[in-house]
Structure formats: structure tokens, C-alpha cells
Amino acid sequence: MYWRSEQNGLRGFTKSNWARDGETRKSTGEYVFTLGSSPITWCSKRQPTIALQSIETEYRCLVDGAK
């Protein structure tokens, strides 16, 4: 049960690992959203394409989290 409070703000966090998979060189993107201190949704998946730079991987991860 969630109570109305200023501390129960919605927060989102993203993380990416550039070219983590050694065989395919694809990156992994992760995100989690919390309400207060409780996670309400999360995802971790390999990105469908190969990123040429780490900033490209981070941008794709942010976009997936924003969706």
C-alpha cells in the first residue's frame, strides 16, 4: 500500500554496458523506475543493433526507459 507523501516521488534510473556481449558486440541496456523506495517496473535486455560508441548505447537506453 502506498501513502501520499512527498518522499514517494517517481524516479527513473538507466544503465548501459557498451559491447558487453563478446560474441555479437551488442550492448545491454537496463532501467528501473521506483515509487518511493519500491521498484515498480524494470527491464534489462540486449540492444538489437551494434553501437559504434558508448554514448550511442547510453542514448538508446534512455530512450527505452522514456518509452
PDB file of N, CA and C in Angstrom:
ATOM      1  N   MET A   1       0.842  -1.153   0.000  1.00  0.00           N
ATOM      2  CA  MET A   1       0.000   0.000   0.000  1.00  0.00           C
ATOM      3  C   MET A   1       0.906   1.240   0.000  1.00  0.00           C
ATOM      4  N   TYR A   2       0.581   2.197  -0.824  1.00  0.00           N
ATOM      5  CA  TYR A   2       1.347   3.436  -0.920  1.00  0.00           C
ATOM      6  C   TYR A   2       0.564   4.569  -0.288  1.00  0.00           C
ATOM      7  N   TRP A   3       1.230   5.365   0.529  1.00  0.00           N
ATOM      8  CA  TRP A   3       0.613   6.518   1.172  1.00  0.00           C
ATOM      9  C   TRP A   3       1.078   7.779   0.466  1.00  0.00           C
ATOM     10  N   ARG A   4       0.220   8.762   0.415  1.00  0.00           N
ATOM     11  CA  ARG A   4       0.563  10.039  -0.215  1.00  0.00           C
ATOM     12  C   ARG A   4       1.598  10.755   0.649  1.00  0.00           C
ATOM     13  N   SER A   5       2.746  11.032   0.023  1.00  0.00           N
ATOM     14  CA  SER A   5       3.839  11.662   0.741  1.00  0.00           C
ATOM     15  C   SER A   5       4.769  12.329  -0.258  1.00  0.00           C
ATOM     16  N   GLU A   6       5.494  13.342   0.193  1.00  0.00           N
ATOM     17  CA  GLU A   6       6.468  13.983  -0.683  1.00  0.00           C
ATOM     18  C   GLU A   6       7.634  13.052  -0.991  1.00  0.00           C
ATOM     19  N   GLN A   7       7.891  12.092  -0.150  1.00  0.00           N
ATOM     20  CA  GLN A   7       9.003  11.159  -0.340  1.00  0.00           C
ATOM     21  C   GLN A   7       8.677  10.067  -1.343  1.00  0.00           C
ATOM     22  N   ASN A   8       7.423   9.939  -1.744  1.00  0.00           N
ATOM     23  CA  ASN A   8       7.016   8.894  -2.686  1.00  0.00           C
ATOM     24  C   ASN A   8       7.086   9.372  -4.123  1.00  0.00           C
ATOM     25  N   GLY A   9       8.135  10.080  -4.488  1.00  0.00           N
ATOM     26  CA  GLY A   9       8.285  10.566  -5.854  1.00  0.00           C
ATOM     27  C   GLY A   9       8.654   9.445  -6.815  1.00  0.00           C
ATOM     28  N   LEU A  10       8.266   9.632  -8.057  1.00  0.00           N
ATOM     29  CA  LEU A  10       8.611   8.681  -9.110  1.00  0.00           C
ATOM     30  C   LEU A  10      10.010   9.016  -9.620  1.00  0.00           C
ATOM     31  N   ARG A  11      10.889   8.010  -9.644  1.00  0.00           N
ATOM     32  CA  ARG A  11      12.262   8.196 -10.117  1.00  0.00           C
ATOM     33  C   ARG A  11      12.605   7.108 -11.117  1.00  0.00           C
ATOM     34  N   GLY A  12      13.405   7.481 -12.096  1.00  0.00           N
ATOM     35  CA  GLY A  12      13.852   6.523 -13.098  1.00  0.00           C
ATOM     36  C   GLY A  12      15.366   6.505 -13.190  1.00  0.00           C
ATOM     37  N   PHE A  13      15.938   5.327 -13.353  1.00  0.00           N
ATOM     38  CA  PHE A  13      17.379   5.148 -13.458  1.00  0.00           C
ATOM     39  C   PHE A  13      17.668   4.275 -14.677  1.00  0.00           C
ATOM     40  N   THR A  14      18.708   4.626 -15.426  1.00  0.00           N
ATOM     41  CA  THR A  14      19.118   3.807 -16.561  1.00  0.00           C
ATOM     42  C   THR A  14      20.601   3.473 -16.443  1.00  0.00           C
ATOM     43  N   LYS A  15      20.985   2.370 -17.095  1.00  0.00           N
ATOM     44  CA  LYS A  15      22.376   1.940 -17.103  1.00  0.00           C
ATOM     45  C   LYS A  15      22.612   1.198 -18.411  1.00  0.00           C
ATOM     46  N   SER A  16      23.782   1.384 -18.977  1.00  0.00           N
ATOM     47  CA  SER A  16      24.096   0.660 -20.209  1.00  0.00           C
ATOM     48  C   SER A  16      25.513   0.112 -20.136  1.00  0.00           C
ATOM     49  N   ASN A  17      25.727  -1.001 -20.815  1.00  0.00           N
ATOM     50  CA  ASN A  17      27.041  -1.632 -20.909  1.00  0.00           C
ATOM     51  C   ASN A  17      27.386  -1.755 -22.379  1.00  0.00           C
ATOM     52  N   TRP A  18      28.341  -0.993 -22.806  1.00  0.00           N
ATOM     53  CA  TRP A  18      28.708  -0.929 -24.223  1.00  0.00           C
ATOM     54  C   TRP A  18      29.449  -2.190 -24.638  1.00  0.00           C
ATOM     55  N   ALA A  19      28.962  -2.846 -25.708  1.00  0.00           N
ATOM     56  CA  ALA A  19      29.568  -4.042 -26.313  1.00  0.00           C
ATOM     57  C   ALA A  19      29.851  -5.118 -25.276  1.00  0.00           C
ATOM     58  N   ARG A  20      28.900  -5.361 -24.395  1.00  0.00           N
ATOM     59  CA  ARG A  20      29.095  -6.323 -23.305  1.00  0.00           C
ATOM     60  C   ARG A  20      29.226  -7.759 -23.810  1.00  0.00           C
ATOM     61  N   ASP A  21      28.430  -8.123 -24.802  1.00  0.00           N
ATOM     62  CA  ASP A  21      28.464  -9.485 -25.332  1.00  0.00           C
ATOM     63  C   ASP A  21      29.699  -9.642 -26.226  1.00  0.00           C
ATOM     64  N   GLY A  22      30.605 -10.511 -25.837  1.00  0.00           N
ATOM     65  CA  GLY A  22      31.855 -10.688 -26.568  1.00  0.00           C
ATOM     66  C   GLY A  22      31.698 -11.277 -27.951  1.00  0.00           C
ATOM     67  N   GLU A  23      30.670 -12.085 -28.176  1.00  0.00           N
ATOM     68  CA  GLU A  23      30.469 -12.723 -29.479  1.00  0.00           C
ATOM     69  C   GLU A  23      29.803 -11.796 -30.484  1.00  0.00           C
ATOM     70  N   THR A  24      28.744 -11.115 -30.085  1.00  0.00           N
ATOM     71  CA  THR A  24      27.985 -10.276 -31.015  1.00  0.00           C
ATOM     72  C   THR A  24      28.353  -8.803 -30.927  1.00  0.00           C
ATOM     73  N   ARG A  25      29.064  -8.397 -29.878  1.00  0.00           N
ATOM     74  CA  ARG A  25      29.443  -6.998 -29.618  1.00  0.00           C
ATOM     75  C   ARG A  25      28.230  -6.099 -29.389  1.00  0.00           C
ATOM     76  N   LYS A  26      27.089  -6.689 -29.050  1.00  0.00           N
ATOM     77  CA  LYS A  26      25.898  -5.896 -28.762  1.00  0.00           C
ATOM     78  C   LYS A  26      25.923  -5.441 -27.305  1.00  0.00           C
ATOM     79  N   SER A  27      25.296  -4.305 -27.060  1.00  0.00           N
ATOM     80  CA  SER A  27      25.272  -3.698 -25.736  1.00  0.00           C
ATOM     81  C   SER A  27      24.038  -4.145 -24.965  1.00  0.00           C
ATOM     82  N   THR A  28      24.093  -3.952 -23.656  1.00  0.00           N
ATOM     83  CA  THR A  28      22.969  -4.255 -22.786  1.00  0.00           C
ATOM     84  C   THR A  28      22.457  -2.960 -22.182  1.00  0.00           C
ATOM     85  N   GLY A  29      21.153  -2.771 -22.208  1.00  0.00           N
ATOM     86  CA  GLY A  29      20.530  -1.590 -21.608  1.00  0.00           C
ATOM     87  C   GLY A  29      19.591  -2.012 -20.492  1.00  0.00           C
ATOM     88  N   GLU A  30      19.604  -1.247 -19.403  1.00  0.00           N
ATOM     89  CA  GLU A  30      18.778  -1.570 -18.242  1.00  0.00           C
ATOM     90  C   GLU A  30      18.126  -0.303 -17.718  1.00  0.00           C
ATOM     91  N   TYR A  31      16.912  -0.444 -17.181  1.00  0.00           N
ATOM     92  CA  TYR A  31      16.282   0.683 -16.492  1.00  0.00           C
ATOM     93  C   TYR A  31      15.404   0.162 -15.370  1.00  0.00           C
ATOM     94  N   VAL A  32      15.183   1.017 -14.379  1.00  0.00           N
ATOM     95  CA  VAL A  32      14.287   0.715 -13.268  1.00  0.00           C
ATOM     96  C   VAL A  32      13.588   2.004 -12.870  1.00  0.00           C
ATOM     97  N   PHE A  33      12.302   1.908 -12.540  1.00  0.00           N
ATOM     98  CA  PHE A  33      11.536   3.033 -12.034  1.00  0.00           C
ATOM     99  C   PHE A  33      11.058   2.684 -10.637  1.00  0.00           C
ATOM    100  N   THR A  34      11.211   3.650  -9.731  1.00  0.00           N
ATOM    101  CA  THR A  34      10.804   3.430  -8.349  1.00  0.00           C
ATOM    102  C   THR A  34       9.753   4.460  -7.954  1.00  0.00           C
ATOM    103  N   LEU A  35       8.892   4.054  -7.055  1.00  0.00           N
ATOM    104  CA  LEU A  35       7.926   4.953  -6.432  1.00  0.00           C
ATOM    105  C   LEU A  35       8.248   4.926  -4.948  1.00  0.00           C
ATOM    106  N   GLY A  36       8.813   6.010  -4.462  1.00  0.00           N
ATOM    107  CA  GLY A  36       9.351   5.994  -3.102  1.00  0.00           C
ATOM    108  C   GLY A  36      10.607   5.136  -3.108  1.00  0.00           C
ATOM    109  N   SER A  37      10.637   4.110  -2.290  1.00  0.00           N
ATOM    110  CA  SER A  37      11.790   3.214  -2.252  1.00  0.00           C
ATOM    111  C   SER A  37      11.490   1.859  -2.893  1.00  0.00           C
ATOM    112  N   SER A  38      10.317   1.708  -3.491  1.00  0.00           N
ATOM    113  CA  SER A  38       9.921   0.428  -4.069  1.00  0.00           C
ATOM    114  C   SER A  38      10.003   0.446  -5.590  1.00  0.00           C
ATOM    115  N   PRO A  39      10.657  -0.557  -6.189  1.00  0.00           N
ATOM    116  CA  PRO A  39      10.671  -0.636  -7.653  1.00  0.00           C
ATOM    117  C   PRO A  39       9.277  -1.001  -8.169  1.00  0.00           C
ATOM    118  N   ILE A  40       8.840  -0.323  -9.225  1.00  0.00           N
ATOM    119  CA  ILE A  40       7.526  -0.628  -9.788  1.00  0.00           C
ATOM    120  C   ILE A  40       7.634  -1.227 -11.188  1.00  0.00           C
ATOM    121  N   THR A  41       8.749  -0.989 -11.873  1.00  0.00           N
ATOM    122  CA  THR A  41       8.983  -1.620 -13.168  1.00  0.00           C
ATOM    123  C   THR A  41      10.477  -1.618 -13.466  1.00  0.00           C
ATOM    124  N   TRP A  42      10.938  -2.624 -14.195  1.00  0.00           N
ATOM    125  CA  TRP A  42      12.341  -2.690 -14.570  1.00  0.00           C
ATOM    126  C   TRP A  42      12.479  -3.519 -15.839  1.00  0.00           C
ATOM    127  N   CYS A  43      13.619  -3.357 -16.516  1.00  0.00           N
ATOM    128  CA  CYS A  43      13.880  -4.110 -17.733  1.00  0.00           C
ATOM    129  C   CYS A  43      15.392  -4.176 -17.947  1.00  0.00           C
ATOM    130  N   SER A  44      15.847  -5.311 -18.444  1.00  0.00           N
ATOM    131  CA  SER A  44      17.241  -5.495 -18.831  1.00  0.00           C
ATOM    132  C   SER A  44      17.228  -6.322 -20.099  1.00  0.00           C
ATOM    133  N   LYS A  45      17.787  -5.756 -21.186  1.00  0.00           N
ATOM    134  CA  LYS A  45      17.776  -6.509 -22.438  1.00  0.00           C
ATOM    135  C   LYS A  45      18.956  -6.109 -23.317  1.00  0.00           C
ATOM    136  N   ARG A  46      19.296  -7.009 -24.205  1.00  0.00           N
ATOM    137  CA  ARG A  46      20.344  -6.735 -25.185  1.00  0.00           C
ATOM    138  C   ARG A  46      19.772  -5.850 -26.277  1.00  0.00           C
ATOM    139  N   GLN A  47      20.521  -4.841 -26.678  1.00  0.00           N
ATOM    140  CA  GLN A  47      20.055  -3.938 -27.721  1.00  0.00           C
ATOM    141  C   GLN A  47      20.115  -4.649 -29.075  1.00  0.00           C
ATOM    142  N   PRO A  48      19.171  -4.342 -29.968  1.00  0.00           N
ATOM    143  CA  PRO A  48      19.062  -5.094 -31.221  1.00  0.00           C
ATOM    144  C   PRO A  48      20.170  -4.813 -32.243  1.00  0.00           C
ATOM    145  N   THR A  49      20.854  -3.685 -32.115  1.00  0.00           N
ATOM    146  CA  THR A  49      21.901  -3.344 -33.081  1.00  0.00           C
ATOM    147  C   THR A  49      23.225  -3.084 -32.377  1.00  0.00           C
ATOM    148  N   ILE A  50      24.297  -3.066 -33.135  1.00  0.00           N
ATOM    149  CA  ILE A  50      25.624  -2.824 -32.580  1.00  0.00           C
ATOM    150  C   ILE A  50      25.886  -1.325 -32.549  1.00  0.00           C
ATOM    151  N   ALA A  51      26.237  -0.815 -31.374  1.00  0.00           N
ATOM    152  CA  ALA A  51      26.540   0.610 -31.217  1.00  0.00           C
ATOM    153  C   ALA A  51      28.027   0.851 -31.500  1.00  0.00           C
ATOM    154  N   LEU A  52      28.315   1.943 -32.183  1.00  0.00           N
ATOM    155  CA  LEU A  52      29.708   2.270 -32.510  1.00  0.00           C
ATOM    156  C   LEU A  52      30.403   3.013 -31.381  1.00  0.00           C
ATOM    157  N   GLN A  53      29.641   3.675 -30.511  1.00  0.00           N
ATOM    158  CA  GLN A  53      30.210   4.424 -29.404  1.00  0.00           C
ATOM    159  C   GLN A  53      29.392   4.187 -28.144  1.00  0.00           C
ATOM    160  N   SER A  54      30.014   4.378 -26.982  1.00  0.00           N
ATOM    161  CA  SER A  54      29.303   4.161 -25.724  1.00  0.00           C
ATOM    162  C   SER A  54      28.167   5.164 -25.536  1.00  0.00           C
ATOM    163  N   ILE A  55      28.325   6.402 -26.021  1.00  0.00           N
ATOM    164  CA  ILE A  55      27.261   7.401 -25.879  1.00  0.00           C
ATOM    165  C   ILE A  55      26.012   6.991 -26.665  1.00  0.00           C
ATOM    166  N   GLU A  56      26.194   6.310 -27.771  1.00  0.00           N
ATOM    167  CA  GLU A  56      25.063   5.806 -28.552  1.00  0.00           C
ATOM    168  C   GLU A  56      24.289   4.768 -27.739  1.00  0.00           C
ATOM    169  N   THR A  57      24.999   3.914 -27.037  1.00  0.00           N
ATOM    170  CA  THR A  57      24.368   2.905 -26.183  1.00  0.00           C
ATOM    171  C   THR A  57      23.592   3.573 -25.055  1.00  0.00           C
ATOM    172  N   GLU A  58      24.185   4.589 -24.422  1.00  0.00           N
ATOM    173  CA  GLU A  58      23.519   5.286 -23.333  1.00  0.00           C
ATOM    174  C   GLU A  58      22.261   6.003 -23.828  1.00  0.00           C
ATOM    175  N   TYR A  59      22.329   6.617 -24.995  1.00  0.00           N
ATOM    176  CA  TYR A  59      21.172   7.314 -25.553  1.00  0.00           C
ATOM    177  C   TYR A  59      20.034   6.327 -25.830  1.00  0.00           C
ATOM    178  N   ARG A  60      20.349   5.203 -26.415  1.00  0.00           N
ATOM    179  CA  ARG A  60      19.311   4.192 -26.692  1.00  0.00           C
ATOM    180  C   ARG A  60      18.664   3.691 -25.413  1.00  0.00           C
ATOM    181  N   CYS A  61      19.461   3.532 -24.374  1.00  0.00           N
ATOM    182  CA  CYS A  61      18.936   3.087 -23.084  1.00  0.00           C
ATOM    183  C   CYS A  61      17.989   4.133 -22.496  1.00  0.00           C
ATOM    184  N   LEU A  62      18.344   5.405 -22.587  1.00  0.00           N
ATOM    185  CA  LEU A  62      17.473   6.480 -22.108  1.00  0.00           C
ATOM    186  C   LEU A  62      16.158   6.522 -22.872  1.00  0.00           C
ATOM    187  N   VAL A  63      16.224   6.330 -24.172  1.00  0.00           N
ATOM    188  CA  VAL A  63      15.018   6.337 -24.999  1.00  0.00           C
ATOM    189  C   VAL A  63      14.095   5.177 -24.601  1.00  0.00           C
ATOM    190  N   ASP A  64      14.658   3.988 -24.414  1.00  0.00           N
ATOM    191  CA  ASP A  64      13.839   2.838 -23.998  1.00  0.00           C
ATOM    192  C   ASP A  64      13.185   3.083 -22.645  1.00  0.00           C
ATOM    193  N   GLY A  65      13.917   3.685 -21.729  1.00  0.00           N
ATOM    194  CA  GLY A  65      13.350   3.994 -20.415  1.00  0.00           C
ATOM    195  C   GLY A  65      12.248   5.031 -20.505  1.00  0.00           C
ATOM    196  N   ALA A  66      12.397   6.009 -21.375  1.00  0.00           N
ATOM    197  CA  ALA A  66      11.390   7.063 -21.524  1.00  0.00           C
ATOM    198  C   ALA A  66      10.106   6.554 -22.163  1.00  0.00           C
ATOM    199  N   LYS A  67      10.217   5.522 -22.984  1.00  0.00           N
ATOM    200  CA  LYS A  67       9.020   4.970 -23.632  1.00  0.00           C
ATOM    201  C   LYS A  67       8.087   4.405 -22.594  1.00  0.00           C
TER     202      LYS A  67
END
